[in-house]
Amino acid sequence: MKLGIIISQTEPETVFNALRLANYSLKQGDTVKIFLVGKGVELDQINDAKFNVKEQAQAVLAAGGQFLACGTCLKLRQSGGSETCPLSTLKDLYEIVRDSDRLVTF
C-alpha cells in the first residue's frame, strides 16, 4: 500500500501518533510519504518528554519513509528546511494525494 500522511500541527501526542502509524506501515512493507504543511513544518522543534517525536521521525527515515515540507510554509518561518523537513512544493503535495492508496491527515 502507498500511504500518504499530511501533518499540519505540532501537538506532540498527535504528531507522535502520526509517526507511529508511519513506522508501523513501513514495517508492514508499505510505502510512506509524509507531507508537512502549516505548523507541521515546525516538526523539528517539537520537544516533549512523553512523546519523542524526533526519535519517531528518525525511525521513519531509517525505514525508508519520506518527508516533504511545504516550501512556502518554511519560508514564512524563515527556515531553509532540514532532513525531516526538506523544502518541497505544492506539486509534491498534489502527487502524494494523487498517488496514495490511502491518505490520512493529522
PDB file of N, CA and C in Angstrom:
ATOM      1  N   MET A   1       0.844  -1.179   0.000  1.00  0.00           N
ATOM      2  CA  MET A   1       0.000   0.000   0.000  1.00  0.00           C
ATOM      3  C   MET A   1       0.889   1.242   0.000  1.00  0.00           C
ATOM      4  N   LYS A   2       0.416   2.274  -0.648  1.00  0.00           N
ATOM      5  CA  LYS A   2       1.073   3.576  -0.615  1.00  0.00           C
ATOM      6  C   LYS A   2       0.278   4.454   0.342  1.00  0.00           C
ATOM      7  N   LEU A   3       0.909   4.814   1.463  1.00  0.00           N
ATOM      8  CA  LEU A   3       0.249   5.621   2.483  1.00  0.00           C
ATOM      9  C   LEU A   3       0.776   7.044   2.426  1.00  0.00           C
ATOM     10  N   GLY A   4      -0.130   7.994   2.310  1.00  0.00           N
ATOM     11  CA  GLY A   4       0.219   9.408   2.392  1.00  0.00           C
ATOM     12  C   GLY A   4      -0.268   9.954   3.715  1.00  0.00           C
ATOM     13  N   ILE A   5       0.594  10.705   4.391  1.00  0.00           N
ATOM     14  CA  ILE A   5       0.235  11.312   5.671  1.00  0.00           C
ATOM     15  C   ILE A   5       0.497  12.806   5.559  1.00  0.00           C
ATOM     16  N   ILE A   6      -0.497  13.604   5.925  1.00  0.00           N
ATOM     17  CA  ILE A   6      -0.342  15.054   5.941  1.00  0.00           C
ATOM     18  C   ILE A   6      -0.419  15.507   7.394  1.00  0.00           C
ATOM     19  N   ILE A   7       0.621  16.195   7.838  1.00  0.00           N
ATOM     20  CA  ILE A   7       0.673  16.704   9.213  1.00  0.00           C
ATOM     21  C   ILE A   7       0.662  18.225   9.147  1.00  0.00           C
ATOM     22  N   SER A   8      -0.315  18.847   9.829  1.00  0.00           N
ATOM     23  CA  SER A   8      -0.448  20.302   9.778  1.00  0.00           C
ATOM     24  C   SER A   8      -0.445  20.933  11.170  1.00  0.00           C
ATOM     25  N   GLN A   9       0.116  20.236  12.135  1.00  0.00           N
ATOM     26  CA  GLN A   9       0.130  20.757  13.502  1.00  0.00           C
ATOM     27  C   GLN A   9       1.384  20.318  14.245  1.00  0.00           C
ATOM     28  N   THR A  10       1.528  20.829  15.460  1.00  0.00           N
ATOM     29  CA  THR A  10       2.705  20.491  16.272  1.00  0.00           C
ATOM     30  C   THR A  10       2.321  19.934  17.640  1.00  0.00           C
ATOM     31  N   GLU A  11       1.076  19.550  17.827  1.00  0.00           N
ATOM     32  CA  GLU A  11       0.667  18.986  19.112  1.00  0.00           C
ATOM     33  C   GLU A  11       1.419  17.665  19.289  1.00  0.00           C
ATOM     34  N   PRO A  12       2.285  17.561  20.317  1.00  0.00           N
ATOM     35  CA  PRO A  12       3.202  16.425  20.431  1.00  0.00           C
ATOM     36  C   PRO A  12       2.551  15.046  20.359  1.00  0.00           C
ATOM     37  N   GLU A  13       1.475  14.823  21.088  1.00  0.00           N
ATOM     38  CA  GLU A  13       0.864  13.489  21.097  1.00  0.00           C
ATOM     39  C   GLU A  13       0.311  13.120  19.722  1.00  0.00           C
ATOM     40  N   THR A  14      -0.308  14.069  19.053  1.00  0.00           N
ATOM     41  CA  THR A  14      -0.890  13.802  17.735  1.00  0.00           C
ATOM     42  C   THR A  14       0.191  13.516  16.700  1.00  0.00           C
ATOM     43  N   VAL A  15       1.234  14.329  16.679  1.00  0.00           N
ATOM     44  CA  VAL A  15       2.326  14.120  15.721  1.00  0.00           C
ATOM     45  C   VAL A  15       3.035  12.802  16.020  1.00  0.00           C
ATOM     46  N   PHE A  16       3.251  12.507  17.287  1.00  0.00           N
ATOM     47  CA  PHE A  16       3.868  11.251  17.702  1.00  0.00           C
ATOM     48  C   PHE A  16       3.078  10.060  17.160  1.00  0.00           C
ATOM     49  N   ASN A  17       1.753  10.112  17.300  1.00  0.00           N
ATOM     50  CA  ASN A  17       0.916   9.009  16.822  1.00  0.00           C
ATOM     51  C   ASN A  17       0.892   8.925  15.301  1.00  0.00           C
ATOM     52  N   ALA A  18       0.947  10.048  14.620  1.00  0.00           N
ATOM     53  CA  ALA A  18       1.033  10.035  13.151  1.00  0.00           C
ATOM     54  C   ALA A  18       2.307   9.329  12.708  1.00  0.00           C
ATOM     55  N   LEU A  19       3.406   9.617  13.386  1.00  0.00           N
ATOM     56  CA  LEU A  19       4.686   8.995  13.036  1.00  0.00           C
ATOM     57  C   LEU A  19       4.730   7.527  13.448  1.00  0.00           C
ATOM     58  N   ARG A  20       4.069   7.181  14.536  1.00  0.00           N
ATOM     59  CA  ARG A  20       3.964   5.765  14.911  1.00  0.00           C
ATOM     60  C   ARG A  20       3.226   4.986  13.833  1.00  0.00           C
ATOM     61  N   LEU A  21       2.153   5.569  13.298  1.00  0.00           N
ATOM     62  CA  LEU A  21       1.419   4.932  12.208  1.00  0.00           C
ATOM     63  C   LEU A  21       2.327   4.760  10.995  1.00  0.00           C
ATOM     64  N   ALA A  22       3.104   5.783  10.688  1.00  0.00           N
ATOM     65  CA  ALA A  22       4.037   5.697   9.558  1.00  0.00           C
ATOM     66  C   ALA A  22       5.027   4.560   9.767  1.00  0.00           C
ATOM     67  N   ASN A  23       5.584   4.465  10.957  1.00  0.00           N
ATOM     68  CA  ASN A  23       6.557   3.409  11.242  1.00  0.00           C
ATOM     69  C   ASN A  23       5.926   2.023  11.183  1.00  0.00           C
ATOM     70  N   TYR A  24       4.729   1.884  11.701  1.00  0.00           N
ATOM     71  CA  TYR A  24       4.042   0.592  11.634  1.00  0.00           C
ATOM     72  C   TYR A  24       3.797   0.203  10.177  1.00  0.00           C
ATOM     73  N   SER A  25       3.335   1.151   9.399  1.00  0.00           N
ATOM     74  CA  SER A  25       3.054   0.899   7.987  1.00  0.00           C
ATOM     75  C   SER A  25       4.318   0.487   7.239  1.00  0.00           C
ATOM     76  N   LEU A  26       5.423   1.148   7.519  1.00  0.00           N
ATOM     77  CA  LEU A  26       6.698   0.784   6.887  1.00  0.00           C
ATOM     78  C   LEU A  26       7.099  -0.643   7.257  1.00  0.00           C
ATOM     79  N   LYS A  27       6.860  -1.036   8.506  1.00  0.00           N
ATOM     80  CA  LYS A  27       7.186  -2.403   8.933  1.00  0.00           C
ATOM     81  C   LYS A  27       6.318  -3.441   8.234  1.00  0.00           C
ATOM     82  N   GLN A  28       5.145  -3.014   7.760  1.00  0.00           N
ATOM     83  CA  GLN A  28       4.258  -3.918   7.020  1.00  0.00           C
ATOM     84  C   GLN A  28       4.649  -4.007   5.548  1.00  0.00           C
ATOM     85  N   GLY A  29       5.670  -3.257   5.162  1.00  0.00           N
ATOM     86  CA  GLY A  29       6.128  -3.280   3.776  1.00  0.00           C
ATOM     87  C   GLY A  29       5.508  -2.206   2.896  1.00  0.00           C
ATOM     88  N   ASP A  30       4.788  -1.284   3.503  1.00  0.00           N
ATOM     89  CA  ASP A  30       4.149  -0.215   2.743  1.00  0.00           C
ATOM     90  C   ASP A  30       5.139   0.903   2.412  1.00  0.00           C
ATOM     91  N   THR A  31       4.763   1.722   1.461  1.00  0.00           N
ATOM     92  CA  THR A  31       5.495   2.937   1.120  1.00  0.00           C
ATOM     93  C   THR A  31       4.821   4.090   1.850  1.00  0.00           C
ATOM     94  N   VAL A  32       5.620   4.957   2.486  1.00  0.00           N
ATOM     95  CA  VAL A  32       5.047   6.064   3.254  1.00  0.00           C
ATOM     96  C   VAL A  32       5.697   7.380   2.842  1.00  0.00           C
ATOM     97  N   LYS A  33       4.843   8.351   2.531  1.00  0.00           N
ATOM     98  CA  LYS A  33       5.291   9.720   2.280  1.00  0.00           C
ATOM     99  C   LYS A  33       4.521  10.630   3.225  1.00  0.00           C
ATOM    100  N   ILE A  34       5.265  11.503   3.897  1.00  0.00           N
ATOM    101  CA  ILE A  34       4.674  12.420   4.867  1.00  0.00           C
ATOM    102  C   ILE A  34       4.896  13.839   4.368  1.00  0.00           C
ATOM    103  N   PHE A  35       3.807  14.603   4.251  1.00  0.00           N
ATOM    104  CA  PHE A  35       3.920  15.997   3.837  1.00  0.00           C
ATOM    105  C   PHE A  35       3.590  16.881   5.028  1.00  0.00           C
ATOM    106  N   LEU A  36       4.494  17.794   5.328  1.00  0.00           N
ATOM    107  CA  LEU A  36       4.320  18.731   6.433  1.00  0.00           C
ATOM    108  C   LEU A  36       3.849  20.063   5.861  1.00  0.00           C
ATOM    109  N   VAL A  37       2.772  20.591   6.416  1.00  0.00           N
ATOM    110  CA  VAL A  37       2.198  21.837   5.913  1.00  0.00           C
ATOM    111  C   VAL A  37       1.766  22.702   7.096  1.00  0.00           C
ATOM    112  N   GLY A  38       1.729  24.016   6.920  1.00  0.00           N
ATOM    113  CA  GLY A  38       1.359  24.910   8.012  1.00  0.00           C
ATOM    114  C   GLY A  38       2.312  24.722   9.184  1.00  0.00           C
ATOM    115  N   LYS A  39       1.755  24.659  10.386  1.00  0.00           N
ATOM    116  CA  LYS A  39       2.592  24.463  11.575  1.00  0.00           C
ATOM    117  C   LYS A  39       3.347  23.140  11.556  1.00  0.00           C
ATOM    118  N   GLY A  40       2.893  22.203  10.749  1.00  0.00           N
ATOM    119  CA  GLY A  40       3.568  20.909  10.655  1.00  0.00           C
ATOM    120  C   GLY A  40       5.035  21.011  10.277  1.00  0.00           C
ATOM    121  N   VAL A  41       5.409  22.096   9.559  1.00  0.00           N
ATOM    122  CA  VAL A  41       6.819  22.248   9.169  1.00  0.00           C
ATOM    123  C   VAL A  41       7.711  22.556  10.371  1.00  0.00           C
ATOM    124  N   GLU A  42       7.113  22.777  11.529  1.00  0.00           N
ATOM    125  CA  GLU A  42       7.873  23.016  12.760  1.00  0.00           C
ATOM    126  C   GLU A  42       8.156  21.709  13.505  1.00  0.00           C
ATOM    127  N   LEU A  43       7.992  20.580  12.852  1.00  0.00           N
ATOM    128  CA  LEU A  43       8.171  19.258  13.456  1.00  0.00           C
ATOM    129  C   LEU A  43       9.499  19.142  14.205  1.00  0.00           C
ATOM    130  N   ASP A  44      10.569  19.671  13.638  1.00  0.00           N
ATOM    131  CA  ASP A  44      11.894  19.572  14.273  1.00  0.00           C
ATOM    132  C   ASP A  44      11.957  20.270  15.629  1.00  0.00           C
ATOM    133  N   GLN A  45      11.045  21.186  15.871  1.00  0.00           N
ATOM    134  CA  GLN A  45      11.080  21.967  17.109  1.00  0.00           C
ATOM    135  C   GLN A  45      10.243  21.354  18.229  1.00  0.00           C
ATOM    136  N   ILE A  46       9.556  20.263  17.937  1.00  0.00           N
ATOM    137  CA  ILE A  46       8.731  19.621  18.967  1.00  0.00           C
ATOM    138  C   ILE A  46       9.649  18.905  19.950  1.00  0.00           C
ATOM    139  N   ASN A  47       9.555  19.291  21.201  1.00  0.00           N
ATOM    140  CA  ASN A  47      10.384  18.699  22.248  1.00  0.00           C
ATOM    141  C   ASN A  47       9.477  18.392  23.439  1.00  0.00           C
ATOM    142  N   ASP A  48       9.167  17.128  23.627  1.00  0.00           N
ATOM    143  CA  ASP A  48       8.241  16.731  24.676  1.00  0.00           C
ATOM    144  C   ASP A  48       8.768  15.467  25.349  1.00  0.00           C
ATOM    145  N   ALA A  49       8.794  15.465  26.671  1.00  0.00           N
ATOM    146  CA  ALA A  49       9.346  14.329  27.413  1.00  0.00           C
ATOM    147  C   ALA A  49       8.537  13.044  27.211  1.00  0.00           C
ATOM    148  N   LYS A  50       7.224  13.151  27.112  1.00  0.00           N
ATOM    149  CA  LYS A  50       6.376  11.966  26.955  1.00  0.00           C
ATOM    150  C   LYS A  50       6.367  11.421  25.535  1.00  0.00           C
ATOM    151  N   PHE A  51       6.419  12.324  24.561  1.00  0.00           N
ATOM    152  CA  PHE A  51       6.239  11.940  23.164  1.00  0.00           C
ATOM    153  C   PHE A  51       7.475  12.323  22.364  1.00  0.00           C
ATOM    154  N   ASN A  52       8.356  11.337  22.161  1.00  0.00           N
ATOM    155  CA  ASN A  52       9.627  11.588  21.490  1.00  0.00           C
ATOM    156  C   ASN A  52       9.429  11.605  19.968  1.00  0.00           C
ATOM    157  N   VAL A  53       9.013  12.754  19.481  1.00  0.00           N
ATOM    158  CA  VAL A  53       8.725  12.936  18.062  1.00  0.00           C
ATOM    159  C   VAL A  53       9.993  12.769  17.228  1.00  0.00           C
ATOM    160  N   LYS A  54      11.098  13.309  17.703  1.00  0.00           N
ATOM    161  CA  LYS A  54      12.354  13.229  16.937  1.00  0.00           C
ATOM    162  C   LYS A  54      12.784  11.778  16.723  1.00  0.00           C
ATOM    163  N   GLU A  55      12.651  10.956  17.739  1.00  0.00           N
ATOM    164  CA  GLU A  55      13.011   9.545  17.624  1.00  0.00           C
ATOM    165  C   GLU A  55      12.122   8.839  16.595  1.00  0.00           C
ATOM    166  N   GLN A  56      10.824   9.111  16.640  1.00  0.00           N
ATOM    167  CA  GLN A  56       9.903   8.512  15.672  1.00  0.00           C
ATOM    168  C   GLN A  56      10.219   8.980  14.251  1.00  0.00           C
ATOM    169  N   ALA A  57      10.545  10.264  14.097  1.00  0.00           N
ATOM    170  CA  ALA A  57      10.874  10.801  12.771  1.00  0.00           C
ATOM    171  C   ALA A  57      12.136  10.149  12.216  1.00  0.00           C
ATOM    172  N   GLN A  58      13.136   9.975  13.059  1.00  0.00           N
ATOM    173  CA  GLN A  58      14.370   9.318  12.610  1.00  0.00           C
ATOM    174  C   GLN A  58      14.103   7.866  12.224  1.00  0.00           C
ATOM    175  N   ALA A  59      13.218   7.206  12.949  1.00  0.00           N
ATOM    176  CA  ALA A  59      12.868   5.821  12.618  1.00  0.00           C
ATOM    177  C   ALA A  59      12.169   5.746  11.262  1.00  0.00           C
ATOM    178  N   VAL A  60      11.327   6.726  10.955  1.00  0.00           N
ATOM    179  CA  VAL A  60      10.671   6.774   9.641  1.00  0.00           C
ATOM    180  C   VAL A  60      11.725   6.863   8.546  1.00  0.00           C
ATOM    181  N   LEU A  61      12.668   7.769   8.713  1.00  0.00           N
ATOM    182  CA  LEU A  61      13.728   7.928   7.710  1.00  0.00           C
ATOM    183  C   LEU A  61      14.566   6.661   7.580  1.00  0.00           C
ATOM    184  N   ALA A  62      14.925   6.068   8.712  1.00  0.00           N
ATOM    185  CA  ALA A  62      15.764   4.864   8.700  1.00  0.00           C
ATOM    186  C   ALA A  62      15.068   3.694   8.005  1.00  0.00           C
ATOM    187  N   ALA A  63      13.736   3.663   8.067  1.00  0.00           N
ATOM    188  CA  ALA A  63      12.970   2.571   7.461  1.00  0.00           C
ATOM    189  C   ALA A  63      12.604   2.853   6.004  1.00  0.00           C
ATOM    190  N   GLY A  64      13.042   3.996   5.485  1.00  0.00           N
ATOM    191  CA  GLY A  64      12.784   4.304   4.079  1.00  0.00           C
ATOM    192  C   GLY A  64      11.596   5.203   3.817  1.00  0.00           C
ATOM    193  N   GLY A  65      11.000   5.739   4.867  1.00  0.00           N
ATOM    194  CA  GLY A  65       9.911   6.697   4.681  1.00  0.00           C
ATOM    195  C   GLY A  65      10.454   8.023   4.178  1.00  0.00           C
ATOM    196  N   GLN A  66       9.571   8.836   3.640  1.00  0.00           N
ATOM    197  CA  GLN A  66       9.998  10.104   3.060  1.00  0.00           C
ATOM    198  C   GLN A  66       9.208  11.254   3.660  1.00  0.00           C
ATOM    199  N   PHE A  67       9.926  12.308   4.024  1.00  0.00           N
ATOM    200  CA  PHE A  67       9.310  13.549   4.483  1.00  0.00           C
ATOM    201  C   PHE A  67       9.420  14.587   3.382  1.00  0.00           C
ATOM    202  N   LEU A  68       8.388  15.400   3.250  1.00  0.00           N
ATOM    203  CA  LEU A  68       8.391  16.559   2.363  1.00  0.00           C
ATOM    204  C   LEU A  68       7.743  17.689   3.150  1.00  0.00           C
ATOM    205  N   ALA A  69       8.177  18.929   2.918  1.00  0.00           N
ATOM    206  CA  ALA A  69       7.627  20.045   3.678  1.00  0.00           C
ATOM    207  C   ALA A  69       7.304  21.210   2.753  1.00  0.00           C
ATOM    208  N   CYS A  70       6.203  21.857   3.020  1.00  0.00           N
ATOM    209  CA  CYS A  70       5.735  22.996   2.240  1.00  0.00           C
ATOM    210  C   CYS A  70       6.795  24.096   2.216  1.00  0.00           C
ATOM    211  N   GLY A  71       7.290  24.396   1.028  1.00  0.00           N
ATOM    212  CA  GLY A  71       8.324  25.416   0.888  1.00  0.00           C
ATOM    213  C   GLY A  71       7.846  26.792   1.309  1.00  0.00           C
ATOM    214  N   THR A  72       6.621  27.147   0.957  1.00  0.00           N
ATOM    215  CA  THR A  72       6.071  28.444   1.341  1.00  0.00           C
ATOM    216  C   THR A  72       5.970  28.546   2.857  1.00  0.00           C
ATOM    217  N   CYS A  73       5.517  27.475   3.496  1.00  0.00           N
ATOM    218  CA  CYS A  73       5.383  27.459   4.962  1.00  0.00           C
ATOM    219  C   CYS A  73       6.748  27.605   5.635  1.00  0.00           C
ATOM    220  N   LEU A  74       7.761  26.942   5.072  1.00  0.00           N
ATOM    221  CA  LEU A  74       9.115  27.064   5.614  1.00  0.00           C
ATOM    222  C   LEU A  74       9.634  28.486   5.447  1.00  0.00           C
ATOM    223  N   LYS A  75       9.436  29.068   4.275  1.00  0.00           N
ATOM    224  CA  LYS A  75       9.915  30.431   4.014  1.00  0.00           C
ATOM    225  C   LYS A  75       9.245  31.435   4.933  1.00  0.00           C
ATOM    226  N   LEU A  76       7.949  31.268   5.191  1.00  0.00           N
ATOM    227  CA  LEU A  76       7.239  32.162   6.110  1.00  0.00           C
ATOM    228  C   LEU A  76       7.840  32.112   7.509  1.00  0.00           C
ATOM    229  N   ARG A  77       8.423  30.978   7.846  1.00  0.00           N
ATOM    230  CA  ARG A  77       9.056  30.803   9.154  1.00  0.00           C
ATOM    231  C   ARG A  77      10.564  31.032   9.085  1.00  0.00           C
ATOM    232  N   GLN A  78      11.024  31.530   7.954  1.00  0.00           N
ATOM    233  CA  GLN A  78      12.443  31.814   7.712  1.00  0.00           C
ATOM    234  C   GLN A  78      13.307  30.589   7.988  1.00  0.00           C
ATOM    235  N   SER A  79      12.840  29.452   7.473  1.00  0.00           N
ATOM    236  CA  SER A  79      13.562  28.193   7.637  1.00  0.00           C
ATOM    237  C   SER A  79      13.952  27.652   6.272  1.00  0.00           C
ATOM    238  N   GLY A  80      15.144  27.111   6.201  1.00  0.00           N
ATOM    239  CA  GLY A  80      15.610  26.501   4.961  1.00  0.00           C
ATOM    240  C   GLY A  80      15.296  25.025   4.884  1.00  0.00           C
ATOM    241  N   GLY A  81      14.666  24.492   5.922  1.00  0.00           N
ATOM    242  CA  GLY A  81      14.343  23.075   5.945  1.00  0.00           C
ATOM    243  C   GLY A  81      15.407  22.256   6.643  1.00  0.00           C
ATOM    244  N   SER A  82      15.216  20.937   6.637  1.00  0.00           N
ATOM    245  CA  SER A  82      16.134  20.006   7.295  1.00  0.00           C
ATOM    246  C   SER A  82      15.902  18.617   6.709  1.00  0.00           C
ATOM    247  N   GLU A  83      16.554  17.628   7.281  1.00  0.00           N
ATOM    248  CA  GLU A  83      16.380  16.255   6.797  1.00  0.00           C
ATOM    249  C   GLU A  83      14.927  15.787   6.941  1.00  0.00           C
ATOM    250  N   THR A  84      14.293  16.152   8.047  1.00  0.00           N
ATOM    251  CA  THR A  84      12.898  15.752   8.247  1.00  0.00           C
ATOM    252  C   THR A  84      11.913  16.800   7.737  1.00  0.00           C
ATOM    253  N   CYS A  85      12.413  17.941   7.317  1.00  0.00           N
ATOM    254  CA  CYS A  85      11.554  18.990   6.751  1.00  0.00           C
ATOM    255  C   CYS A  85      12.170  19.535   5.466  1.00  0.00           C
ATOM    256  N   PRO A  86      12.371  18.689   4.455  1.00  0.00           N
ATOM    257  CA  PRO A  86      13.011  19.169   3.230  1.00  0.00           C
ATOM    258  C   PRO A  86      12.070  20.048   2.403  1.00  0.00           C
ATOM    259  N   LEU A  87      12.618  21.110   1.880  1.00  0.00           N
ATOM    260  CA  LEU A  87      11.875  22.063   1.065  1.00  0.00           C
ATOM    261  C   LEU A  87      11.210  21.360  -0.112  1.00  0.00           C
ATOM    262  N   SER A  88       9.890  21.476  -0.208  1.00  0.00           N
ATOM    263  CA  SER A  88       9.124  20.828  -1.267  1.00  0.00           C
ATOM    264  C   SER A  88       8.105  21.814  -1.822  1.00  0.00           C
ATOM    265  N   THR A  89       7.252  21.333  -2.711  1.00  0.00           N
ATOM    266  CA  THR A  89       6.317  22.221  -3.399  1.00  0.00           C
ATOM    267  C   THR A  89       4.883  21.703  -3.323  1.00  0.00           C
ATOM    268  N   LEU A  90       3.970  22.549  -3.768  1.00  0.00           N
ATOM    269  CA  LEU A  90       2.572  22.159  -3.854  1.00  0.00           C
ATOM    270  C   LEU A  90       2.401  20.988  -4.819  1.00  0.00           C
ATOM    271  N   LYS A  91       3.240  20.938  -5.837  1.00  0.00           N
ATOM    272  CA  LYS A  91       3.212  19.824  -6.785  1.00  0.00           C
ATOM    273  C   LYS A  91       3.484  18.502  -6.057  1.00  0.00           C
ATOM    274  N   ASP A  92       4.440  18.518  -5.120  1.00  0.00           N
ATOM    275  CA  ASP A  92       4.745  17.309  -4.345  1.00  0.00           C
ATOM    276  C   ASP A  92       3.535  16.872  -3.519  1.00  0.00           C
ATOM    277  N   LEU A  93       2.860  17.829  -2.891  1.00  0.00           N
ATOM    278  CA  LEU A  93       1.659  17.502  -2.116  1.00  0.00           C
ATOM    279  C   LEU A  93       0.589  16.920  -3.031  1.00  0.00           C
ATOM    280  N   TYR A  94       0.386  17.539  -4.176  1.00  0.00           N
ATOM    281  CA  TYR A  94      -0.597  17.041  -5.133  1.00  0.00           C
ATOM    282  C   TYR A  94      -0.292  15.597  -5.527  1.00  0.00           C
ATOM    283  N   GLU A  95       0.972  15.305  -5.797  1.00  0.00           N
ATOM    284  CA  GLU A  95       1.354  13.952  -6.215  1.00  0.00           C
ATOM    285  C   GLU A  95       1.126  12.929  -5.108  1.00  0.00           C
ATOM    286  N   ILE A  96       1.342  13.325  -3.863  1.00  0.00           N
ATOM    287  CA  ILE A  96       1.058  12.416  -2.748  1.00  0.00           C
ATOM    288  C   ILE A  96      -0.439  12.115  -2.699  1.00  0.00           C
ATOM    289  N   VAL A  97      -1.257  13.158  -2.816  1.00  0.00           N
ATOM    290  CA  VAL A  97      -2.710  12.972  -2.791  1.00  0.00           C
ATOM    291  C   VAL A  97      -3.144  12.093  -3.962  1.00  0.00           C
ATOM    292  N   ARG A  98      -2.607  12.360  -5.136  1.00  0.00           N
ATOM    293  CA  ARG A  98      -2.989  11.617  -6.342  1.00  0.00           C
ATOM    294  C   ARG A  98      -2.547  10.156  -6.292  1.00  0.00           C
ATOM    295  N   ASP A  99      -1.335   9.907  -5.811  1.00  0.00           N
ATOM    296  CA  ASP A  99      -0.735   8.581  -5.925  1.00  0.00           C
ATOM    297  C   ASP A  99      -0.967   7.657  -4.734  1.00  0.00           C
ATOM    298  N   SER A 100      -1.411   8.180  -3.610  1.00  0.00           N
ATOM    299  CA  SER A 100      -1.582   7.350  -2.410  1.00  0.00           C
ATOM    300  C   SER A 100      -2.815   6.464  -2.521  1.00  0.00           C
ATOM    301  N   ASP A 101      -2.676   5.234  -2.018  1.00  0.00           N
ATOM    302  CA  ASP A 101      -3.842   4.356  -1.896  1.00  0.00           C
ATOM    303  C   ASP A 101      -4.729   4.814  -0.741  1.00  0.00           C
ATOM    304  N   ARG A 102      -4.097   5.302   0.304  1.00  0.00           N
ATOM    305  CA  ARG A 102      -4.795   5.833   1.472  1.00  0.00           C
ATOM    306  C   ARG A 102      -4.100   7.127   1.874  1.00  0.00           C
ATOM    307  N   LEU A 103      -4.899   8.099   2.316  1.00  0.00           N
ATOM    308  CA  LEU A 103      -4.371   9.388   2.739  1.00  0.00           C
ATOM    309  C   LEU A 103      -4.992   9.736   4.081  1.00  0.00           C
ATOM    310  N   VAL A 104      -4.163  10.043   5.063  1.00  0.00           N
ATOM    311  CA  VAL A 104      -4.666  10.439   6.377  1.00  0.00           C
ATOM    312  C   VAL A 104      -4.060  11.784   6.750  1.00  0.00           C
ATOM    313  N   THR A 105      -4.824  12.560   7.493  1.00  0.00           N
ATOM    314  CA  THR A 105      -4.349  13.874   7.915  1.00  0.00           C
ATOM    315  C   THR A 105      -4.351  13.967   9.431  1.00  0.00           C
ATOM    316  N   PHE A 106      -3.387  14.684   9.938  1.00  0.00           N
ATOM    317  CA  PHE A 106      -3.274  14.921  11.378  1.00  0.00           C
ATOM    318  C   PHE A 106      -3.063  16.407  11.602  1.00  0.00           C
TER     319      PHE A 106
END
